[in-house]
Amino acid sequence: MRVVSFSVPAWFPPRTGEEVRREVQLTEQESTVFLCLATGASNAELAGELQLSVSTVKFHVHNIRAKLGGISRLQACLLAALAREGVPGPKATLAPEARRSA
């Protein structure tokens, strides 16, 4: 499994009483869904575009938001838009293949 690492900019506001994780690792599939969030599309629209079920998209969006510190979907969309545009802040780098230990 390939893992993609994203950095959240220091200026990005956390939810009240919570801290945004500054380094997160998303699976390749989560990364694909994350970058598509930049369009502001609904789960159903993302599912159609990515040829996934709506429940699978919901699952990935939930995991992405949790890994980013429980941020809102709108905040995730903003980070995705910044990542797609290459704006300083969230940067994607492909990490070596992760191996699960038994």
PDB file of N, CA and C in Angstrom:
ATOM      1  N   MET A   1       0.844  -1.172   0.000  1.00  0.00           N
ATOM      2  CA  MET A   1       0.000   0.000   0.000  1.00  0.00           C
ATOM      3  C   MET A   1       0.890   1.235   0.000  1.00  0.00           C
ATOM      4  N   ARG A   2       0.585   2.195  -0.864  1.00  0.00           N
ATOM      5  CA  ARG A   2       1.325   3.445  -0.897  1.00  0.00           C
ATOM      6  C   ARG A   2       0.642   4.440   0.025  1.00  0.00           C
ATOM      7  N   VAL A   3       1.435   5.276   0.662  1.00  0.00           N
ATOM      8  CA  VAL A   3       0.912   6.261   1.593  1.00  0.00           C
ATOM      9  C   VAL A   3       1.337   7.643   1.129  1.00  0.00           C
ATOM     10  N   VAL A   4       0.422   8.601   1.185  1.00  0.00           N
ATOM     11  CA  VAL A   4       0.717   9.970   0.802  1.00  0.00           C
ATOM     12  C   VAL A   4       0.715  10.817   2.064  1.00  0.00           C
ATOM     13  N   SER A   5       1.732  11.656   2.203  1.00  0.00           N
ATOM     14  CA  SER A   5       1.868  12.505   3.381  1.00  0.00           C
ATOM     15  C   SER A   5       1.484  13.933   3.024  1.00  0.00           C
ATOM     16  N   PHE A   6       0.631  14.546   3.824  1.00  0.00           N
ATOM     17  CA  PHE A   6       0.230  15.927   3.629  1.00  0.00           C
ATOM     18  C   PHE A   6       0.627  16.749   4.848  1.00  0.00           C
ATOM     19  N   SER A   7       1.089  17.960   4.602  1.00  0.00           N
ATOM     20  CA  SER A   7       1.405  18.883   5.691  1.00  0.00           C
ATOM     21  C   SER A   7       0.326  19.944   5.740  1.00  0.00           C
ATOM     22  N   VAL A   8      -0.191  20.194   6.924  1.00  0.00           N
ATOM     23  CA  VAL A   8      -1.210  21.215   7.119  1.00  0.00           C
ATOM     24  C   VAL A   8      -0.493  22.498   7.518  1.00  0.00           C
ATOM     25  N   PRO A   9      -0.817  23.632   6.865  1.00  0.00           N
ATOM     26  CA  PRO A   9      -0.107  24.870   7.193  1.00  0.00           C
ATOM     27  C   PRO A   9      -0.340  25.314   8.628  1.00  0.00           C
ATOM     28  N   ALA A  10       0.649  25.964   9.204  1.00  0.00           N
ATOM     29  CA  ALA A  10       0.578  26.406  10.604  1.00  0.00           C
ATOM     30  C   ALA A  10      -0.551  27.404  10.813  1.00  0.00           C
ATOM     31  N   TRP A  11      -0.892  28.172   9.793  1.00  0.00           N
ATOM     32  CA  TRP A  11      -1.930  29.190   9.933  1.00  0.00           C
ATOM     33  C   TRP A  11      -3.338  28.609   9.888  1.00  0.00           C
ATOM     34  N   PHE A  12      -3.458  27.321   9.555  1.00  0.00           N
ATOM     35  CA  PHE A  12      -4.778  26.719   9.409  1.00  0.00           C
ATOM     36  C   PHE A  12      -5.447  26.590  10.767  1.00  0.00           C
ATOM     37  N   PRO A  13      -6.666  27.135  10.925  1.00  0.00           N
ATOM     38  CA  PRO A  13      -7.318  27.124  12.238  1.00  0.00           C
ATOM     39  C   PRO A  13      -7.885  25.765  12.630  1.00  0.00           C
ATOM     40  N   PRO A  14      -7.596  25.297  13.843  1.00  0.00           N
ATOM     41  CA  PRO A  14      -8.204  24.052  14.328  1.00  0.00           C
ATOM     42  C   PRO A  14      -9.623  24.309  14.798  1.00  0.00           C
ATOM     43  N   ARG A  15     -10.372  23.237  14.981  1.00  0.00           N
ATOM     44  CA  ARG A  15     -11.699  23.369  15.590  1.00  0.00           C
ATOM     45  C   ARG A  15     -11.522  23.792  17.029  1.00  0.00           C
ATOM     46  N   THR A  16     -12.506  24.435  17.579  1.00  0.00           N
ATOM     47  CA  THR A  16     -12.436  24.900  18.952  1.00  0.00           C
ATOM     48  C   THR A  16     -12.115  23.753  19.890  1.00  0.00           C
ATOM     49  N   GLY A  17     -11.072  23.931  20.704  1.00  0.00           N
ATOM     50  CA  GLY A  17     -10.683  22.923  21.681  1.00  0.00           C
ATOM     51  C   GLY A  17      -9.913  21.753  21.111  1.00  0.00           C
ATOM     52  N   GLU A  18      -9.588  21.794  19.830  1.00  0.00           N
ATOM     53  CA  GLU A  18      -8.864  20.691  19.207  1.00  0.00           C
ATOM     54  C   GLU A  18      -7.618  21.221  18.513  1.00  0.00           C
ATOM     55  N   GLU A  19      -6.733  20.332  18.183  1.00  0.00           N
ATOM     56  CA  GLU A  19      -5.512  20.703  17.496  1.00  0.00           C
ATOM     57  C   GLU A  19      -5.452  19.985  16.154  1.00  0.00           C
ATOM     58  N   VAL A  20      -5.183  20.752  15.109  1.00  0.00           N
ATOM     59  CA  VAL A  20      -5.050  20.152  13.780  1.00  0.00           C
ATOM     60  C   VAL A  20      -3.710  19.448  13.709  1.00  0.00           C
ATOM     61  N   ARG A  21      -3.729  18.239  13.195  1.00  0.00           N
ATOM     62  CA  ARG A  21      -2.469  17.510  13.007  1.00  0.00           C
ATOM     63  C   ARG A  21      -1.737  18.136  11.834  1.00  0.00           C
ATOM     64  N   ARG A  22      -0.477  18.446  12.035  1.00  0.00           N
ATOM     65  CA  ARG A  22       0.291  19.146  11.006  1.00  0.00           C
ATOM     66  C   ARG A  22       0.872  18.204   9.958  1.00  0.00           C
ATOM     67  N   GLU A  23       1.082  16.958  10.306  1.00  0.00           N
ATOM     68  CA  GLU A  23       1.568  15.947   9.362  1.00  0.00           C
ATOM     69  C   GLU A  23       0.575  14.799   9.378  1.00  0.00           C
ATOM     70  N   VAL A  24       0.017  14.494   8.242  1.00  0.00           N
ATOM     71  CA  VAL A  24      -0.912  13.366   8.164  1.00  0.00           C
ATOM     72  C   VAL A  24      -0.518  12.469   7.007  1.00  0.00           C
ATOM     73  N   GLN A  25      -0.812  11.208   7.158  1.00  0.00           N
ATOM     74  CA  GLN A  25      -0.564  10.250   6.083  1.00  0.00           C
ATOM     75  C   GLN A  25      -1.898   9.656   5.647  1.00  0.00           C
ATOM     76  N   LEU A  26      -2.169   9.812   4.367  1.00  0.00           N
ATOM     77  CA  LEU A  26      -3.385   9.279   3.783  1.00  0.00           C
ATOM     78  C   LEU A  26      -3.014   8.127   2.859  1.00  0.00           C
ATOM     79  N   THR A  27      -3.893   7.146   2.791  1.00  0.00           N
ATOM     80  CA  THR A  27      -3.671   6.071   1.826  1.00  0.00           C
ATOM     81  C   THR A  27      -3.803   6.653   0.425  1.00  0.00           C
ATOM     82  N   GLU A  28      -3.395   5.895  -0.562  1.00  0.00           N
ATOM     83  CA  GLU A  28      -3.481   6.382  -1.941  1.00  0.00           C
ATOM     84  C   GLU A  28      -4.933   6.688  -2.314  1.00  0.00           C
ATOM     85  N   GLN A  29      -5.862   5.829  -1.891  1.00  0.00           N
ATOM     86  CA  GLN A  29      -7.282   6.046  -2.206  1.00  0.00           C
ATOM     87  C   GLN A  29      -7.814   7.273  -1.465  1.00  0.00           C
ATOM     88  N   GLU A  30      -7.443   7.437  -0.189  1.00  0.00           N
ATOM     89  CA  GLU A  30      -7.858   8.624   0.564  1.00  0.00           C
ATOM     90  C   GLU A  30      -7.302   9.879  -0.090  1.00  0.00           C
ATOM     91  N   SER A  31      -6.068   9.806  -0.566  1.00  0.00           N
ATOM     92  CA  SER A  31      -5.445  10.949  -1.228  1.00  0.00           C
ATOM     93  C   SER A  31      -6.222  11.339  -2.488  1.00  0.00           C
ATOM     94  N   THR A  32      -6.637  10.358  -3.253  1.00  0.00           N
ATOM     95  CA  THR A  32      -7.417  10.623  -4.465  1.00  0.00           C
ATOM     96  C   THR A  32      -8.727  11.318  -4.118  1.00  0.00           C
ATOM     97  N   VAL A  33      -9.428  10.800  -3.108  1.00  0.00           N
ATOM     98  CA  VAL A  33     -10.692  11.406  -2.670  1.00  0.00           C
ATOM     99  C   VAL A  33     -10.420  12.810  -2.126  1.00  0.00           C
ATOM    100  N   PHE A  34      -9.356  12.958  -1.319  1.00  0.00           N
ATOM    101  CA  PHE A  34      -9.000  14.253  -0.732  1.00  0.00           C
ATOM    102  C   PHE A  34      -8.810  15.306  -1.816  1.00  0.00           C
ATOM    103  N   LEU A  35      -8.037  14.993  -2.845  1.00  0.00           N
ATOM    104  CA  LEU A  35      -7.771  15.975  -3.895  1.00  0.00           C
ATOM    105  C   LEU A  35      -9.029  16.304  -4.695  1.00  0.00           C
ATOM    106  N   CYS A  36      -9.944  15.343  -4.811  1.00  0.00           N
ATOM    107  CA  CYS A  36     -11.212  15.600  -5.508  1.00  0.00           C
ATOM    108  C   CYS A  36     -12.166  16.457  -4.677  1.00  0.00           C
ATOM    109  N   LEU A  37     -11.951  16.489  -3.366  1.00  0.00           N
ATOM    110  CA  LEU A  37     -12.785  17.336  -2.501  1.00  0.00           C
ATOM    111  C   LEU A  37     -12.646  18.805  -2.875  1.00  0.00           C
ATOM    112  N   ALA A  38     -11.555  19.177  -3.524  1.00  0.00           N
ATOM    113  CA  ALA A  38     -11.304  20.570  -3.896  1.00  0.00           C
ATOM    114  C   ALA A  38     -12.408  21.130  -4.789  1.00  0.00           C
ATOM    115  N   THR A  39     -13.102  20.269  -5.493  1.00  0.00           N
ATOM    116  CA  THR A  39     -14.156  20.728  -6.401  1.00  0.00           C
ATOM    117  C   THR A  39     -15.431  21.109  -5.652  1.00  0.00           C
ATOM    118  N   GLY A  40     -15.533  20.683  -4.394  1.00  0.00           N
ATOM    119  CA  GLY A  40     -16.746  20.962  -3.627  1.00  0.00           C
ATOM    120  C   GLY A  40     -17.884  20.027  -3.989  1.00  0.00           C
ATOM    121  N   ALA A  41     -17.570  18.951  -4.679  1.00  0.00           N
ATOM    122  CA  ALA A  41     -18.590  18.004  -5.124  1.00  0.00           C
ATOM    123  C   ALA A  41     -19.197  17.241  -3.945  1.00  0.00           C
ATOM    124  N   SER A  42     -20.419  16.794  -4.134  1.00  0.00           N
ATOM    125  CA  SER A  42     -21.089  15.974  -3.124  1.00  0.00           C
ATOM    126  C   SER A  42     -20.483  14.574  -3.126  1.00  0.00           C
ATOM    127  N   ASN A  43     -20.838  13.795  -2.113  1.00  0.00           N
ATOM    128  CA  ASN A  43     -20.365  12.412  -2.054  1.00  0.00           C
ATOM    129  C   ASN A  43     -20.817  11.632  -3.290  1.00  0.00           C
ATOM    130  N   ALA A  44     -22.055  11.856  -3.705  1.00  0.00           N
ATOM    131  CA  ALA A  44     -22.581  11.148  -4.878  1.00  0.00           C
ATOM    132  C   ALA A  44     -21.809  11.546  -6.145  1.00  0.00           C
ATOM    133  N   GLU A  45     -21.502  12.832  -6.279  1.00  0.00           N
ATOM    134  CA  GLU A  45     -20.746  13.294  -7.446  1.00  0.00           C
ATOM    135  C   GLU A  45     -19.324  12.732  -7.437  1.00  0.00           C
ATOM    136  N   LEU A  46     -18.695  12.721  -6.258  1.00  0.00           N
ATOM    137  CA  LEU A  46     -17.355  12.147  -6.141  1.00  0.00           C
ATOM    138  C   LEU A  46     -17.379  10.663  -6.485  1.00  0.00           C
ATOM    139  N   ALA A  47     -18.395   9.964  -5.996  1.00  0.00           N
ATOM    140  CA  ALA A  47     -18.521   8.526  -6.268  1.00  0.00           C
ATOM    141  C   ALA A  47     -18.607   8.271  -7.768  1.00  0.00           C
ATOM    142  N   GLY A  48     -19.398   9.068  -8.460  1.00  0.00           N
ATOM    143  CA  GLY A  48     -19.519   8.910  -9.905  1.00  0.00           C
ATOM    144  C   GLY A  48     -18.218   9.191 -10.629  1.00  0.00           C
ATOM    145  N   GLU A  49     -17.537  10.242 -10.203  1.00  0.00           N
ATOM    146  CA  GLU A  49     -16.274  10.622 -10.847  1.00  0.00           C
ATOM    147  C   GLU A  49     -15.177   9.583 -10.620  1.00  0.00           C
ATOM    148  N   LEU A  50     -15.128   9.038  -9.396  1.00  0.00           N
ATOM    149  CA  LEU A  50     -14.063   8.098  -9.029  1.00  0.00           C
ATOM    150  C   LEU A  50     -14.450   6.641  -9.237  1.00  0.00           C
ATOM    151  N   GLN A  51     -15.674   6.412  -9.692  1.00  0.00           N
ATOM    152  CA  GLN A  51     -16.205   5.064  -9.890  1.00  0.00           C
ATOM    153  C   GLN A  51     -16.139   4.238  -8.613  1.00  0.00           C
ATOM    154  N   LEU A  52     -16.623   4.840  -7.518  1.00  0.00           N
ATOM    155  CA  LEU A  52     -16.722   4.193  -6.214  1.00  0.00           C
ATOM    156  C   LEU A  52     -18.165   4.263  -5.758  1.00  0.00           C
ATOM    157  N   SER A  53     -18.510   3.493  -4.749  1.00  0.00           N
ATOM    158  CA  SER A  53     -19.849   3.614  -4.183  1.00  0.00           C
ATOM    159  C   SER A  53     -19.889   4.846  -3.280  1.00  0.00           C
ATOM    160  N   VAL A  54     -21.083   5.371  -3.069  1.00  0.00           N
ATOM    161  CA  VAL A  54     -21.246   6.543  -2.206  1.00  0.00           C
ATOM    162  C   VAL A  54     -20.775   6.215  -0.792  1.00  0.00           C
ATOM    163  N   SER A  55     -21.058   5.012  -0.313  1.00  0.00           N
ATOM    164  CA  SER A  55     -20.636   4.639   1.039  1.00  0.00           C
ATOM    165  C   SER A  55     -19.113   4.583   1.156  1.00  0.00           C
ATOM    166  N   THR A  56     -18.433   4.171   0.100  1.00  0.00           N
ATOM    167  CA  THR A  56     -16.970   4.144   0.118  1.00  0.00           C
ATOM    168  C   THR A  56     -16.414   5.562   0.185  1.00  0.00           C
ATOM    169  N   VAL A  57     -16.997   6.477  -0.583  1.00  0.00           N
ATOM    170  CA  VAL A  57     -16.569   7.875  -0.550  1.00  0.00           C
ATOM    171  C   VAL A  57     -16.801   8.450   0.848  1.00  0.00           C
ATOM    172  N   LYS A  58     -17.978   8.186   1.428  1.00  0.00           N
ATOM    173  CA  LYS A  58     -18.265   8.670   2.787  1.00  0.00           C
ATOM    174  C   LYS A  58     -17.235   8.143   3.783  1.00  0.00           C
ATOM    175  N   PHE A  59     -16.886   6.875   3.649  1.00  0.00           N
ATOM    176  CA  PHE A  59     -15.899   6.245   4.525  1.00  0.00           C
ATOM    177  C   PHE A  59     -14.559   6.967   4.415  1.00  0.00           C
ATOM    178  N   HIS A  60     -14.101   7.233   3.185  1.00  0.00           N
ATOM    179  CA  HIS A  60     -12.819   7.905   2.983  1.00  0.00           C
ATOM    180  C   HIS A  60     -12.859   9.342   3.486  1.00  0.00           C
ATOM    181  N   VAL A  61     -13.948  10.055   3.220  1.00  0.00           N
ATOM    182  CA  VAL A  61     -14.069  11.445   3.685  1.00  0.00           C
ATOM    183  C   VAL A  61     -14.037  11.486   5.215  1.00  0.00           C
ATOM    184  N   HIS A  62     -14.730  10.556   5.843  1.00  0.00           N
ATOM    185  CA  HIS A  62     -14.718  10.483   7.306  1.00  0.00           C
ATOM    186  C   HIS A  62     -13.300  10.256   7.827  1.00  0.00           C
ATOM    187  N   ASN A  63     -12.572   9.314   7.216  1.00  0.00           N
ATOM    188  CA  ASN A  63     -11.193   9.027   7.638  1.00  0.00           C
ATOM    189  C   ASN A  63     -10.273  10.219   7.407  1.00  0.00           C
ATOM    190  N   ILE A  64     -10.426  10.891   6.286  1.00  0.00           N
ATOM    191  CA  ILE A  64      -9.608  12.066   5.978  1.00  0.00           C
ATOM    192  C   ILE A  64      -9.822  13.145   7.022  1.00  0.00           C
ATOM    193  N   ARG A  65     -11.082  13.437   7.313  1.00  0.00           N
ATOM    194  CA  ARG A  65     -11.396  14.470   8.312  1.00  0.00           C
ATOM    195  C   ARG A  65     -10.841  14.098   9.676  1.00  0.00           C
ATOM    196  N   ALA A  66     -10.941  12.826  10.042  1.00  0.00           N
ATOM    197  CA  ALA A  66     -10.427  12.377  11.340  1.00  0.00           C
ATOM    198  C   ALA A  66      -8.908  12.501  11.394  1.00  0.00           C
ATOM    199  N   LYS A  67      -8.237  12.099  10.320  1.00  0.00           N
ATOM    200  CA  LYS A  67      -6.777  12.175  10.285  1.00  0.00           C
ATOM    201  C   LYS A  67      -6.285  13.623  10.321  1.00  0.00           C
ATOM    202  N   LEU A  68      -7.093  14.538   9.824  1.00  0.00           N
ATOM    203  CA  LEU A  68      -6.734  15.954   9.842  1.00  0.00           C
ATOM    204  C   LEU A  68      -7.176  16.641  11.130  1.00  0.00           C
ATOM    205  N   GLY A  69      -7.546  15.874  12.118  1.00  0.00           N
ATOM    206  CA  GLY A  69      -7.887  16.434  13.432  1.00  0.00           C
ATOM    207  C   GLY A  69      -9.353  16.759  13.614  1.00  0.00           C
ATOM    208  N   GLY A  70     -10.217  16.093  12.875  1.00  0.00           N
ATOM    209  CA  GLY A  70     -11.652  16.296  13.043  1.00  0.00           C
ATOM    210  C   GLY A  70     -12.154  17.585  12.420  1.00  0.00           C
ATOM    211  N   ILE A  71     -11.471  18.065  11.376  1.00  0.00           N
ATOM    212  CA  ILE A  71     -11.883  19.307  10.732  1.00  0.00           C
ATOM    213  C   ILE A  71     -13.183  19.114   9.977  1.00  0.00           C
ATOM    214  N   SER A  72     -13.821  20.216   9.627  1.00  0.00           N
ATOM    215  CA  SER A  72     -15.076  20.149   8.884  1.00  0.00           C
ATOM    216  C   SER A  72     -14.809  19.761   7.427  1.00  0.00           C
ATOM    217  N   ARG A  73     -15.852  19.378   6.743  1.00  0.00           N
ATOM    218  CA  ARG A  73     -15.719  19.042   5.321  1.00  0.00           C
ATOM    219  C   ARG A  73     -15.279  20.276   4.541  1.00  0.00           C
ATOM    220  N   LEU A  74     -15.816  21.437   4.893  1.00  0.00           N
ATOM    221  CA  LEU A  74     -15.440  22.669   4.208  1.00  0.00           C
ATOM    222  C   LEU A  74     -13.949  22.953   4.374  1.00  0.00           C
ATOM    223  N   GLN A  75     -13.430  22.745   5.586  1.00  0.00           N
ATOM    224  CA  GLN A  75     -11.997  22.943   5.812  1.00  0.00           C
ATOM    225  C   GLN A  75     -11.178  21.930   5.007  1.00  0.00           C
ATOM    226  N   ALA A  76     -11.654  20.702   4.927  1.00  0.00           N
ATOM    227  CA  ALA A  76     -10.965  19.686   4.134  1.00  0.00           C
ATOM    228  C   ALA A  76     -10.959  20.083   2.658  1.00  0.00           C
ATOM    229  N   CYS A  77     -12.067  20.641   2.176  1.00  0.00           N
ATOM    230  CA  CYS A  77     -12.144  21.110   0.790  1.00  0.00           C
ATOM    231  C   CYS A  77     -11.138  22.229   0.541  1.00  0.00           C
ATOM    232  N   LEU A  78     -10.998  23.138   1.502  1.00  0.00           N
ATOM    233  CA  LEU A  78     -10.036  24.232   1.378  1.00  0.00           C
ATOM    234  C   LEU A  78      -8.609  23.690   1.300  1.00  0.00           C
ATOM    235  N   LEU A  79      -8.267  22.770   2.198  1.00  0.00           N
ATOM    236  CA  LEU A  79      -6.933  22.179   2.175  1.00  0.00           C
ATOM    237  C   LEU A  79      -6.679  21.433   0.865  1.00  0.00           C
ATOM    238  N   ALA A  80      -7.695  20.743   0.373  1.00  0.00           N
ATOM    239  CA  ALA A  80      -7.556  20.015  -0.882  1.00  0.00           C
ATOM    240  C   ALA A  80      -7.322  20.984  -2.039  1.00  0.00           C
ATOM    241  N   ALA A  81      -8.041  22.093  -2.040  1.00  0.00           N
ATOM    242  CA  ALA A  81      -7.862  23.094  -3.097  1.00  0.00           C
ATOM    243  C   ALA A  81      -6.452  23.666  -3.051  1.00  0.00           C
ATOM    244  N   LEU A  82      -5.951  23.945  -1.860  1.00  0.00           N
ATOM    245  CA  LEU A  82      -4.588  24.461  -1.716  1.00  0.00           C
ATOM    246  C   LEU A  82      -3.567  23.433  -2.199  1.00  0.00           C
ATOM    247  N   ALA A  83      -3.798  22.169  -1.863  1.00  0.00           N
ATOM    248  CA  ALA A  83      -2.885  21.101  -2.275  1.00  0.00           C
ATOM    249  C   ALA A  83      -2.868  20.951  -3.789  1.00  0.00           C
ATOM    250  N   ARG A  84      -4.041  21.043  -4.411  1.00  0.00           N
ATOM    251  CA  ARG A  84      -4.121  20.900  -5.868  1.00  0.00           C
ATOM    252  C   ARG A  84      -3.461  22.048  -6.601  1.00  0.00           C
ATOM    253  N   GLU A  85      -3.549  23.241  -6.021  1.00  0.00           N
ATOM    254  CA  GLU A  85      -2.979  24.425  -6.658  1.00  0.00           C
ATOM    255  C   GLU A  85      -1.496  24.589  -6.374  1.00  0.00           C
ATOM    256  N   GLY A  86      -0.980  23.791  -5.445  1.00  0.00           N
ATOM    257  CA  GLY A  86       0.433  23.895  -5.120  1.00  0.00           C
ATOM    258  C   GLY A  86       0.756  25.112  -4.274  1.00  0.00           C
ATOM    259  N   VAL A  87      -0.263  25.677  -3.612  1.00  0.00           N
ATOM    260  CA  VAL A  87      -0.057  26.825  -2.725  1.00  0.00           C
ATOM    261  C   VAL A  87       0.751  26.359  -1.528  1.00  0.00           C
ATOM    262  N   PRO A  88       1.724  27.151  -1.064  1.00  0.00           N
ATOM    263  CA  PRO A  88       2.497  26.730   0.106  1.00  0.00           C
ATOM    264  C   PRO A  88       1.565  26.347   1.250  1.00  0.00           C
ATOM    265  N   GLY A  89       1.847  25.255   1.835  1.00  0.00           N
ATOM    266  CA  GLY A  89       1.012  24.711   2.905  1.00  0.00           C
ATOM    267  C   GLY A  89       0.935  23.220   2.723  1.00  0.00           C
ATOM    268  N   PRO A  90      -0.261  22.695   2.385  1.00  0.00           N
ATOM    269  CA  PRO A  90      -0.370  21.255   2.232  1.00  0.00           C
ATOM    270  C   PRO A  90       0.429  20.787   1.027  1.00  0.00           C
ATOM    271  N   LYS A  91       1.380  19.945   1.252  1.00  0.00           N
ATOM    272  CA  LYS A  91       2.199  19.403   0.163  1.00  0.00           C
ATOM    273  C   LYS A  91       2.089  17.891   0.187  1.00  0.00           C
ATOM    274  N   ALA A  92       1.988  17.319  -0.968  1.00  0.00           N
ATOM    275  CA  ALA A  92       1.875  15.869  -1.066  1.00  0.00           C
ATOM    276  C   ALA A  92       3.201  15.287  -1.504  1.00  0.00           C
ATOM    277  N   THR A  93       3.666  14.322  -0.765  1.00  0.00           N
ATOM    278  CA  THR A  93       4.854  13.588  -1.175  1.00  0.00           C
ATOM    279  C   THR A  93       4.550  12.111  -1.034  1.00  0.00           C
ATOM    280  N   LEU A  94       4.886  11.362  -2.034  1.00  0.00           N
ATOM    281  CA  LEU A  94       4.636   9.922  -1.997  1.00  0.00           C
ATOM    282  C   LEU A  94       5.671   9.244  -1.139  1.00  0.00           C
ATOM    283  N   ALA A  95       5.238   8.583  -0.130  1.00  0.00           N
ATOM    284  CA  ALA A  95       6.146   7.848   0.760  1.00  0.00           C
ATOM    285  C   ALA A  95       6.356   6.454   0.194  1.00  0.00           C
ATOM    286  N   PRO A  96       7.440   5.782   0.618  1.00  0.00           N
ATOM    287  CA  PRO A  96       7.656   4.399   0.139  1.00  0.00           C
ATOM    288  C   PRO A  96       6.507   3.493   0.579  1.00  0.00           C
ATOM    289  N   GLU A  97       6.403   2.402  -0.087  1.00  0.00           N
ATOM    290  CA  GLU A  97       5.305   1.477   0.209  1.00  0.00           C
ATOM    291  C   GLU A  97       5.331   1.079   1.680  1.00  0.00           C
ATOM    292  N   ALA A  98       4.177   1.244   2.310  1.00  0.00           N
ATOM    293  CA  ALA A  98       4.081   0.890   3.741  1.00  0.00           C
ATOM    294  C   ALA A  98       3.778  -0.590   3.875  1.00  0.00           C
ATOM    295  N   ARG A  99       4.431  -1.205   4.799  1.00  0.00           N
ATOM    296  CA  ARG A  99       4.187  -2.631   5.052  1.00  0.00           C
ATOM    297  C   ARG A  99       3.560  -2.804   6.427  1.00  0.00           C
ATOM    298  N   ARG A 100       2.552  -3.604   6.465  1.00  0.00           N
ATOM    299  CA  ARG A 100       1.884  -3.875   7.742  1.00  0.00           C
ATOM    300  C   ARG A 100       2.628  -4.958   8.487  1.00  0.00           C
ATOM    301  N   SER A 101       2.821  -4.707   9.752  1.00  0.00           N
ATOM    302  CA  SER A 101       3.440  -5.759  10.575  1.00  0.00           C
ATOM    303  C   SER A 101       2.341  -6.586  11.216  1.00  0.00           C
ATOM    304  N   ALA A 102       2.558  -7.840  11.242  1.00  0.00           N
ATOM    305  CA  ALA A 102       1.537  -8.764  11.758  1.00  0.00           C
ATOM    306  C   ALA A 102       1.406  -8.710  13.239  1.00  0.00           C
TER     307      ALA A 102
END
